[in-house]
Structures are given as structure tokens and as C-alpha cells.
Amino acid sequence: MIVENCCVTSGSYMRQLCYMFLADNWLWMALPVAVCGMLAIFIDVRFVIVAMMVLFIVLPMVLALLFFYYGLSPEARWSIMEKSLDVDENGITLDFTDERMKKHVIPKDGVRSIIEKDDVLILMLNGRRYTCLMIPASVVNPDVTQVLRQLAAQAH
């Protein structure tokens, strides 16, 4: 099955990546602020300043590291560049319209799981935790989704 000329915007890619990261790590981000809030109530009001520093300085820096580590990865470039997807029994072949990019093959055991969102289809790839290939949901019909699900199921 071939999906022609698909790409996601960089904003959409980073938005979905941040949603996944925050869904997994919200407790570690809210806990220091909550602890400082409790310390401000019971010990000293100056802990509110510490909580504000954590909220407005530390957490944006964590998200900046997320951008540099995952937003500048090859998989992010694959997602935001215009390409054609060829899904077959060997895996997924990415054929980019830009002549500077080579074809890339994601083997059939390279897809860990598939997440369906309203605007994108996220193929979680093996490797790092948030390594993924995003395909716009508008170009993916149910047949392609079924083939991709079978491909991911065969890998496990």
C-alpha cells in the first residue's frame, strides 16, 4: 500500500511529542511545585518564590531539552519532510520528495506500537522512548491503518 505526499508540520510534531512526554511525566513536574506549596503553607511563605522558580525556569528548560533531544532527531525530520510511504511485508519504505534525502526503510520489527490521534497517526519506533514517525490522519485510510497494525503485531 502506498501513501502519497504526506508530512506533518513541525508544530504538530512537537505538540504531540510534548503531550506524550507530559502524560508520562506530569507527576515529576507537579510534585516539586506541590511540595514547595506545602512548605510555604506550613514553614515559610518564601517557598512560593521557589515554587515559581521551578515552574517558570526549571520546567521550560526541561521542555527545551526535550526539543533538542527528540525534536532534532532523524525521526522528526522524517515526519516533517514530504514523503511517500510504501507499506509492505518488509516494513515501511520512506521515499522523500527532496532529492537530498535518501530512501529509508523501517523494518517490520521496527514499529513498537501505533497510537491514533484525531489529526495524526503515531508510529512508535524501537529505540529511544519517544522516537516516533507521525503521519497525518487525513491521508491514512482504514486499510493502511489495518496493515500498519498487522505489521506492528507481527513484530511482537
N, C-alpha and C. Protein backbone atom coordinates (compact mmCIF):
# COMPACT_ATOMS: atom_id res chain seq x y z
N MET A 1 0.83 -1.16 0.00
CA MET A 1 0.00 0.00 0.00
C MET A 1 0.88 1.24 0.00
N ILE A 2 0.50 2.22 -0.77
CA ILE A 2 1.29 3.44 -0.91
C ILE A 2 0.46 4.63 -0.43
N VAL A 3 1.09 5.45 0.39
CA VAL A 3 0.50 6.72 0.82
C VAL A 3 1.34 7.82 0.18
N GLU A 4 0.72 8.64 -0.64
CA GLU A 4 1.45 9.66 -1.40
C GLU A 4 1.53 10.98 -0.65
N ASN A 5 2.66 11.64 -0.77
CA ASN A 5 2.88 13.02 -0.33
C ASN A 5 2.24 13.36 1.01
N CYS A 6 2.87 12.91 2.04
CA CYS A 6 2.37 13.21 3.38
C CYS A 6 3.48 13.80 4.23
N CYS A 7 3.10 14.69 5.11
CA CYS A 7 4.02 15.27 6.09
C CYS A 7 3.19 15.95 7.17
N VAL A 8 3.76 16.08 8.35
CA VAL A 8 3.12 16.83 9.42
C VAL A 8 3.92 18.11 9.63
N THR A 9 3.29 19.10 10.20
CA THR A 9 4.02 20.34 10.48
C THR A 9 4.90 20.14 11.71
N SER A 10 5.92 20.96 11.81
CA SER A 10 6.81 20.84 12.96
C SER A 10 6.09 21.18 14.26
N GLY A 11 5.16 22.11 14.20
CA GLY A 11 4.38 22.44 15.40
C GLY A 11 3.51 21.28 15.86
N SER A 12 2.90 20.61 14.90
CA SER A 12 2.08 19.44 15.24
C SER A 12 2.94 18.32 15.81
N TYR A 13 4.11 18.12 15.24
CA TYR A 13 5.02 17.08 15.74
C TYR A 13 5.41 17.37 17.19
N MET A 14 5.85 18.60 17.47
CA MET A 14 6.28 18.93 18.83
C MET A 14 5.11 18.94 19.81
N ARG A 15 3.94 19.34 19.36
CA ARG A 15 2.77 19.32 20.24
C ARG A 15 2.45 17.90 20.68
N GLN A 16 2.43 16.97 19.74
CA GLN A 16 2.13 15.58 20.09
C GLN A 16 3.23 14.99 20.97
N LEU A 17 4.48 15.36 20.67
CA LEU A 17 5.60 14.86 21.48
C LEU A 17 5.51 15.40 22.91
N CYS A 18 5.17 16.68 23.07
CA CYS A 18 5.01 17.26 24.41
C CYS A 18 3.84 16.62 25.14
N TYR A 19 2.73 16.34 24.44
CA TYR A 19 1.60 15.67 25.08
C TYR A 19 2.01 14.31 25.62
N MET A 20 2.76 13.55 24.82
CA MET A 20 3.21 12.23 25.28
C MET A 20 4.14 12.36 26.48
N PHE A 21 5.08 13.31 26.41
CA PHE A 21 6.04 13.49 27.49
C PHE A 21 5.35 13.94 28.77
N LEU A 22 4.44 14.90 28.66
CA LEU A 22 3.74 15.39 29.85
C LEU A 22 2.79 14.36 30.42
N ALA A 23 2.19 13.54 29.58
CA ALA A 23 1.30 12.48 30.07
C ALA A 23 2.08 11.45 30.89
N ASP A 24 3.33 11.19 30.49
CA ASP A 24 4.14 10.21 31.21
C ASP A 24 4.81 10.79 32.45
N ASN A 25 5.12 12.08 32.44
CA ASN A 25 5.96 12.67 33.48
C ASN A 25 5.30 13.82 34.24
N TRP A 26 4.00 13.93 34.23
CA TRP A 26 3.33 15.05 34.88
C TRP A 26 3.56 15.05 36.39
N LEU A 27 3.66 13.87 36.97
CA LEU A 27 3.85 13.80 38.42
C LEU A 27 5.19 14.40 38.83
N TRP A 28 6.24 14.11 38.06
CA TRP A 28 7.57 14.62 38.40
C TRP A 28 7.67 16.12 38.20
N MET A 29 6.76 16.68 37.41
CA MET A 29 6.76 18.12 37.21
C MET A 29 5.88 18.83 38.25
N ALA A 30 4.81 18.19 38.65
CA ALA A 30 3.90 18.82 39.62
C ALA A 30 4.36 18.62 41.05
N LEU A 31 5.09 17.55 41.32
CA LEU A 31 5.50 17.24 42.69
C LEU A 31 6.36 18.34 43.34
N PRO A 32 7.41 18.85 42.68
CA PRO A 32 8.20 19.92 43.33
C PRO A 32 7.38 21.18 43.62
N VAL A 33 6.49 21.53 42.72
CA VAL A 33 5.65 22.71 42.94
C VAL A 33 4.70 22.46 44.12
N ALA A 34 4.14 21.26 44.20
CA ALA A 34 3.24 20.94 45.31
C ALA A 34 3.99 20.91 46.64
N VAL A 35 5.19 20.35 46.64
CA VAL A 35 5.99 20.30 47.88
C VAL A 35 6.34 21.71 48.32
N CYS A 36 6.73 22.58 47.39
CA CYS A 36 7.05 23.96 47.75
C CYS A 36 5.80 24.69 48.24
N GLY A 37 4.65 24.38 47.66
CA GLY A 37 3.40 24.98 48.13
C GLY A 37 3.08 24.56 49.55
N MET A 38 3.27 23.28 49.84
CA MET A 38 3.01 22.80 51.21
C MET A 38 4.02 23.41 52.20
N LEU A 39 5.28 23.51 51.80
CA LEU A 39 6.28 24.13 52.67
C LEU A 39 5.97 25.61 52.89
N ALA A 40 5.41 26.28 51.88
CA ALA A 40 5.04 27.68 52.03
C ALA A 40 3.89 27.84 53.03
N ILE A 41 2.98 26.90 53.03
CA ILE A 41 1.85 26.98 53.96
C ILE A 41 2.30 26.72 55.40
N PHE A 42 3.14 25.69 55.58
CA PHE A 42 3.48 25.27 56.94
C PHE A 42 4.77 25.88 57.50
N ILE A 43 5.71 26.28 56.66
CA ILE A 43 7.01 26.73 57.19
C ILE A 43 7.24 28.21 56.90
N ASP A 44 7.35 28.55 55.61
CA ASP A 44 7.72 29.92 55.27
C ASP A 44 7.12 30.27 53.91
N VAL A 45 6.65 31.49 53.78
CA VAL A 45 6.00 31.95 52.55
C VAL A 45 7.01 32.07 51.40
N ARG A 46 8.29 32.17 51.70
CA ARG A 46 9.30 32.31 50.66
C ARG A 46 9.41 31.08 49.77
N PHE A 47 8.86 29.97 50.21
CA PHE A 47 8.85 28.78 49.36
C PHE A 47 7.96 28.96 48.14
N VAL A 48 7.06 29.94 48.18
CA VAL A 48 6.26 30.27 47.00
C VAL A 48 7.17 30.77 45.89
N ILE A 49 8.19 31.54 46.26
CA ILE A 49 9.15 32.02 45.27
C ILE A 49 9.91 30.85 44.66
N VAL A 50 10.29 29.90 45.48
CA VAL A 50 10.98 28.71 44.98
C VAL A 50 10.06 27.92 44.03
N ALA A 51 8.80 27.81 44.40
CA ALA A 51 7.84 27.11 43.53
C ALA A 51 7.70 27.84 42.20
N MET A 52 7.65 29.17 42.23
CA MET A 52 7.57 29.94 40.98
C MET A 52 8.82 29.76 40.14
N MET A 53 9.98 29.68 40.78
CA MET A 53 11.23 29.46 40.04
C MET A 53 11.21 28.09 39.36
N VAL A 54 10.74 27.10 40.08
CA VAL A 54 10.64 25.76 39.50
C VAL A 54 9.67 25.77 38.33
N LEU A 55 8.55 26.43 38.51
CA LEU A 55 7.51 26.45 37.49
C LEU A 55 7.92 27.22 36.24
N PHE A 56 8.57 28.36 36.42
CA PHE A 56 8.85 29.23 35.28
C PHE A 56 10.28 29.17 34.76
N ILE A 57 11.18 28.50 35.45
CA ILE A 57 12.56 28.39 34.97
C ILE A 57 12.93 26.95 34.69
N VAL A 58 12.72 26.07 35.65
CA VAL A 58 13.18 24.68 35.51
C VAL A 58 12.34 23.91 34.50
N LEU A 59 11.03 23.99 34.58
CA LEU A 59 10.18 23.21 33.67
C LEU A 59 10.32 23.63 32.20
N PRO A 60 10.42 24.92 31.87
CA PRO A 60 10.68 25.26 30.46
C PRO A 60 12.04 24.75 29.97
N MET A 61 13.02 24.69 30.86
CA MET A 61 14.32 24.15 30.45
C MET A 61 14.23 22.64 30.18
N VAL A 62 13.42 21.95 30.94
CA VAL A 62 13.20 20.52 30.68
C VAL A 62 12.55 20.34 29.31
N LEU A 63 11.57 21.17 29.00
CA LEU A 63 10.92 21.08 27.68
C LEU A 63 11.88 21.48 26.56
N ALA A 64 12.81 22.39 26.84
CA ALA A 64 13.82 22.74 25.84
C ALA A 64 14.74 21.55 25.57
N LEU A 65 15.10 20.82 26.62
CA LEU A 65 15.90 19.61 26.42
C LEU A 65 15.14 18.57 25.62
N LEU A 66 13.84 18.47 25.86
CA LEU A 66 13.00 17.57 25.07
C LEU A 66 13.07 17.96 23.59
N PHE A 67 13.00 19.26 23.31
CA PHE A 67 13.08 19.72 21.93
C PHE A 67 14.42 19.35 21.30
N PHE A 68 15.52 19.60 22.00
CA PHE A 68 16.82 19.33 21.42
C PHE A 68 17.09 17.84 21.26
N TYR A 69 16.60 17.03 22.19
CA TYR A 69 16.89 15.59 22.13
C TYR A 69 16.00 14.86 21.14
N TYR A 70 14.71 15.20 21.12
CA TYR A 70 13.79 14.48 20.24
C TYR A 70 13.35 15.30 19.04
N GLY A 71 13.25 16.61 19.18
CA GLY A 71 12.79 17.44 18.08
C GLY A 71 13.79 17.59 16.96
N LEU A 72 15.06 17.36 17.23
CA LEU A 72 16.09 17.45 16.21
C LEU A 72 16.62 16.07 15.80
N SER A 73 15.86 15.05 16.07
CA SER A 73 16.27 13.69 15.73
C SER A 73 15.97 13.39 14.26
N PRO A 74 16.58 12.36 13.70
CA PRO A 74 16.26 12.00 12.31
C PRO A 74 14.79 11.63 12.12
N GLU A 75 14.19 11.02 13.12
CA GLU A 75 12.78 10.63 13.00
C GLU A 75 11.87 11.84 12.91
N ALA A 76 12.22 12.92 13.60
CA ALA A 76 11.45 14.16 13.50
C ALA A 76 11.57 14.73 12.08
N ARG A 77 12.75 14.67 11.52
CA ARG A 77 12.95 15.13 10.14
C ARG A 77 12.16 14.27 9.18
N TRP A 78 12.12 12.97 9.41
CA TRP A 78 11.33 12.09 8.53
C TRP A 78 9.86 12.46 8.58
N SER A 79 9.39 12.84 9.77
CA SER A 79 7.97 13.14 9.92
C SER A 79 7.58 14.45 9.25
N ILE A 80 8.44 15.47 9.33
CA ILE A 80 8.04 16.78 8.84
C ILE A 80 8.40 17.01 7.37
N MET A 81 9.20 16.14 6.78
CA MET A 81 9.52 16.28 5.36
C MET A 81 8.48 15.56 4.51
N GLU A 82 8.22 16.11 3.33
CA GLU A 82 7.23 15.50 2.44
C GLU A 82 7.80 14.20 1.88
N LYS A 83 6.96 13.17 1.92
CA LYS A 83 7.42 11.84 1.54
C LYS A 83 6.25 11.01 1.05
N SER A 84 6.59 9.86 0.46
CA SER A 84 5.62 8.82 0.13
C SER A 84 5.97 7.60 0.97
N LEU A 85 4.95 6.94 1.48
CA LEU A 85 5.14 5.74 2.29
C LEU A 85 4.72 4.52 1.48
N ASP A 86 5.55 3.52 1.48
CA ASP A 86 5.20 2.25 0.86
C ASP A 86 5.22 1.20 1.96
N VAL A 87 4.05 0.70 2.31
CA VAL A 87 3.92 -0.28 3.38
C VAL A 87 3.76 -1.65 2.74
N ASP A 88 4.69 -2.56 3.03
CA ASP A 88 4.61 -3.92 2.52
C ASP A 88 5.09 -4.89 3.59
N GLU A 89 5.30 -6.15 3.21
CA GLU A 89 5.68 -7.16 4.20
C GLU A 89 7.08 -6.98 4.75
N ASN A 90 7.93 -6.19 4.07
CA ASN A 90 9.29 -5.95 4.56
C ASN A 90 9.35 -4.84 5.60
N GLY A 91 8.35 -3.98 5.59
CA GLY A 91 8.32 -2.86 6.51
C GLY A 91 7.76 -1.62 5.83
N ILE A 92 8.25 -0.48 6.23
CA ILE A 92 7.78 0.80 5.70
C ILE A 92 8.95 1.47 4.99
N THR A 93 8.76 1.80 3.73
CA THR A 93 9.78 2.49 2.96
C THR A 93 9.38 3.96 2.84
N LEU A 94 10.28 4.83 3.27
CA LEU A 94 10.05 6.27 3.18
C LEU A 94 10.80 6.78 1.96
N ASP A 95 10.07 7.32 0.99
CA ASP A 95 10.67 7.87 -0.23
C ASP A 95 10.40 9.37 -0.22
N PHE A 96 11.43 10.17 0.04
CA PHE A 96 11.29 11.60 0.20
C PHE A 96 11.27 12.31 -1.15
N THR A 97 10.49 13.40 -1.22
CA THR A 97 10.43 14.17 -2.46
C THR A 97 11.67 15.05 -2.63
N ASP A 98 12.33 15.39 -1.54
CA ASP A 98 13.57 16.17 -1.62
C ASP A 98 14.69 15.24 -2.07
N GLU A 99 15.39 15.64 -3.13
CA GLU A 99 16.41 14.75 -3.70
C GLU A 99 17.63 14.61 -2.80
N ARG A 100 17.80 15.47 -1.81
CA ARG A 100 18.94 15.35 -0.90
C ARG A 100 18.76 14.23 0.12
N MET A 101 17.53 13.78 0.29
CA MET A 101 17.25 12.72 1.25
C MET A 101 17.24 11.37 0.53
N LYS A 102 17.80 10.38 1.19
CA LYS A 102 17.80 9.03 0.64
C LYS A 102 16.53 8.31 1.08
N LYS A 103 16.24 7.22 0.40
CA LYS A 103 15.16 6.35 0.87
C LYS A 103 15.56 5.75 2.19
N HIS A 104 14.58 5.57 3.04
CA HIS A 104 14.85 4.94 4.32
C HIS A 104 13.82 3.85 4.54
N VAL A 105 14.27 2.71 5.03
CA VAL A 105 13.38 1.58 5.29
C VAL A 105 13.31 1.35 6.80
N ILE A 106 12.09 1.35 7.31
CA ILE A 106 11.85 0.97 8.70
C ILE A 106 11.44 -0.49 8.66
N PRO A 107 12.25 -1.38 9.23
CA PRO A 107 11.92 -2.81 9.15
C PRO A 107 10.61 -3.13 9.88
N LYS A 108 10.06 -4.30 9.54
CA LYS A 108 8.76 -4.65 10.13
C LYS A 108 8.82 -4.82 11.63
N ASP A 109 9.98 -5.13 12.19
CA ASP A 109 10.09 -5.21 13.65
C ASP A 109 10.54 -3.89 14.26
N GLY A 110 10.59 -2.83 13.45
CA GLY A 110 11.00 -1.51 13.94
C GLY A 110 9.87 -0.70 14.54
N VAL A 111 8.63 -1.11 14.31
CA VAL A 111 7.48 -0.38 14.85
C VAL A 111 7.05 -1.07 16.15
N ARG A 112 7.11 -0.33 17.24
CA ARG A 112 6.78 -0.88 18.55
C ARG A 112 5.28 -0.86 18.79
N SER A 113 4.63 0.27 18.48
CA SER A 113 3.18 0.38 18.67
C SER A 113 2.65 1.50 17.79
N ILE A 114 1.33 1.58 17.71
CA ILE A 114 0.66 2.59 16.91
C ILE A 114 -0.34 3.32 17.79
N ILE A 115 -0.30 4.64 17.74
CA ILE A 115 -1.22 5.47 18.50
C ILE A 115 -2.01 6.31 17.50
N GLU A 116 -3.34 6.23 17.60
CA GLU A 116 -4.20 7.01 16.72
C GLU A 116 -4.71 8.23 17.46
N LYS A 117 -4.43 9.40 16.93
CA LYS A 117 -4.96 10.66 17.45
C LYS A 117 -5.91 11.22 16.41
N ASP A 118 -6.56 12.35 16.73
CA ASP A 118 -7.51 12.94 15.80
C ASP A 118 -6.84 13.44 14.52
N ASP A 119 -5.64 14.04 14.66
CA ASP A 119 -5.01 14.64 13.49
C ASP A 119 -3.78 13.90 12.98
N VAL A 120 -3.22 12.97 13.76
CA VAL A 120 -2.04 12.22 13.33
C VAL A 120 -2.14 10.75 13.72
N LEU A 121 -1.39 9.95 12.98
CA LEU A 121 -1.18 8.55 13.33
C LEU A 121 0.28 8.44 13.75
N ILE A 122 0.53 8.01 14.97
CA ILE A 122 1.87 7.98 15.53
C ILE A 122 2.37 6.55 15.53
N LEU A 123 3.47 6.32 14.84
CA LEU A 123 4.13 5.02 14.84
C LEU A 123 5.30 5.10 15.80
N MET A 124 5.18 4.46 16.95
CA MET A 124 6.26 4.45 17.93
C MET A 124 7.32 3.46 17.46
N LEU A 125 8.53 3.95 17.27
CA LEU A 125 9.62 3.14 16.74
C LEU A 125 10.49 2.61 17.87
N ASN A 126 11.20 1.53 17.59
CA ASN A 126 12.14 0.99 18.55
C ASN A 126 13.28 1.97 18.72
N GLY A 127 13.89 1.93 19.87
CA GLY A 127 14.99 2.85 20.15
C GLY A 127 14.68 3.64 21.40
N ARG A 128 14.86 4.94 21.29
CA ARG A 128 14.61 5.80 22.44
C ARG A 128 13.12 5.85 22.77
N ARG A 129 12.80 6.37 23.92
CA ARG A 129 11.45 6.28 24.46
C ARG A 129 10.40 7.01 23.61
N TYR A 130 10.70 8.20 23.14
CA TYR A 130 9.73 8.98 22.39
C TYR A 130 10.11 9.09 20.91
N THR A 131 10.74 8.07 20.38
CA THR A 131 11.09 8.04 18.97
C THR A 131 9.87 7.60 18.19
N CYS A 132 9.42 8.46 17.28
CA CYS A 132 8.19 8.14 16.56
C CYS A 132 8.20 8.75 15.17
N LEU A 133 7.38 8.17 14.32
CA LEU A 133 7.12 8.68 12.98
C LEU A 133 5.65 9.07 12.95
N MET A 134 5.38 10.31 12.59
CA MET A 134 4.00 10.78 12.58
C MET A 134 3.52 10.95 11.14
N ILE A 135 2.32 10.47 10.91
CA ILE A 135 1.68 10.54 9.59
C ILE A 135 0.35 11.27 9.78
N PRO A 136 0.03 12.25 8.93
CA PRO A 136 -1.26 12.93 9.10
C PRO A 136 -2.42 11.96 8.93
N ALA A 137 -3.40 12.09 9.78
CA ALA A 137 -4.56 11.19 9.74
C ALA A 137 -5.40 11.41 8.49
N SER A 138 -5.28 12.58 7.89
CA SER A 138 -6.09 12.88 6.71
C SER A 138 -5.69 12.06 5.49
N VAL A 139 -4.46 11.57 5.44
CA VAL A 139 -4.01 10.80 4.28
C VAL A 139 -4.04 9.30 4.52
N VAL A 140 -4.32 8.89 5.74
CA VAL A 140 -4.30 7.47 6.08
C VAL A 140 -5.73 6.95 6.08
N ASN A 141 -6.01 6.01 5.20
CA ASN A 141 -7.33 5.40 5.19
C ASN A 141 -7.34 4.17 6.10
N PRO A 142 -8.49 3.61 6.42
CA PRO A 142 -8.56 2.47 7.35
C PRO A 142 -7.77 1.25 6.87
N ASP A 143 -7.64 1.06 5.55
CA ASP A 143 -6.88 -0.09 5.05
C ASP A 143 -5.41 0.02 5.44
N VAL A 144 -4.85 1.22 5.29
CA VAL A 144 -3.45 1.43 5.65
C VAL A 144 -3.26 1.25 7.15
N THR A 145 -4.19 1.74 7.94
CA THR A 145 -4.11 1.58 9.39
C THR A 145 -4.13 0.11 9.78
N GLN A 146 -4.96 -0.67 9.11
CA GLN A 146 -5.04 -2.10 9.41
C GLN A 146 -3.73 -2.80 9.05
N VAL A 147 -3.14 -2.45 7.91
CA VAL A 147 -1.86 -3.06 7.50
C VAL A 147 -0.77 -2.67 8.49
N LEU A 148 -0.76 -1.41 8.92
CA LEU A 148 0.24 -0.98 9.90
C LEU A 148 0.07 -1.69 11.23
N ARG A 149 -1.17 -1.91 11.65
CA ARG A 149 -1.42 -2.64 12.90
C ARG A 149 -0.93 -4.09 12.79
N GLN A 150 -1.17 -4.72 11.63
CA GLN A 150 -0.69 -6.09 11.43
C GLN A 150 0.84 -6.12 11.46
N LEU A 151 1.45 -5.10 10.87
CA LEU A 151 2.91 -5.01 10.84
C LEU A 151 3.48 -4.89 12.25
N ALA A 152 2.84 -4.05 13.08
CA ALA A 152 3.29 -3.88 14.46
C ALA A 152 3.02 -5.14 15.28
N ALA A 153 1.91 -5.84 15.00
CA ALA A 153 1.60 -7.06 15.74
C ALA A 153 2.56 -8.18 15.39
N GLN A 154 3.01 -8.26 14.15
CA GLN A 154 3.95 -9.30 13.74
C GLN A 154 5.31 -9.10 14.37
N ALA A 155 5.63 -7.84 14.69
CA ALA A 155 6.95 -7.57 15.28
C ALA A 155 7.03 -8.08 16.70
N HIS A 156 5.90 -8.29 17.36
CA HIS A 156 5.93 -8.70 18.77
C HIS A 156 5.49 -10.10 18.89
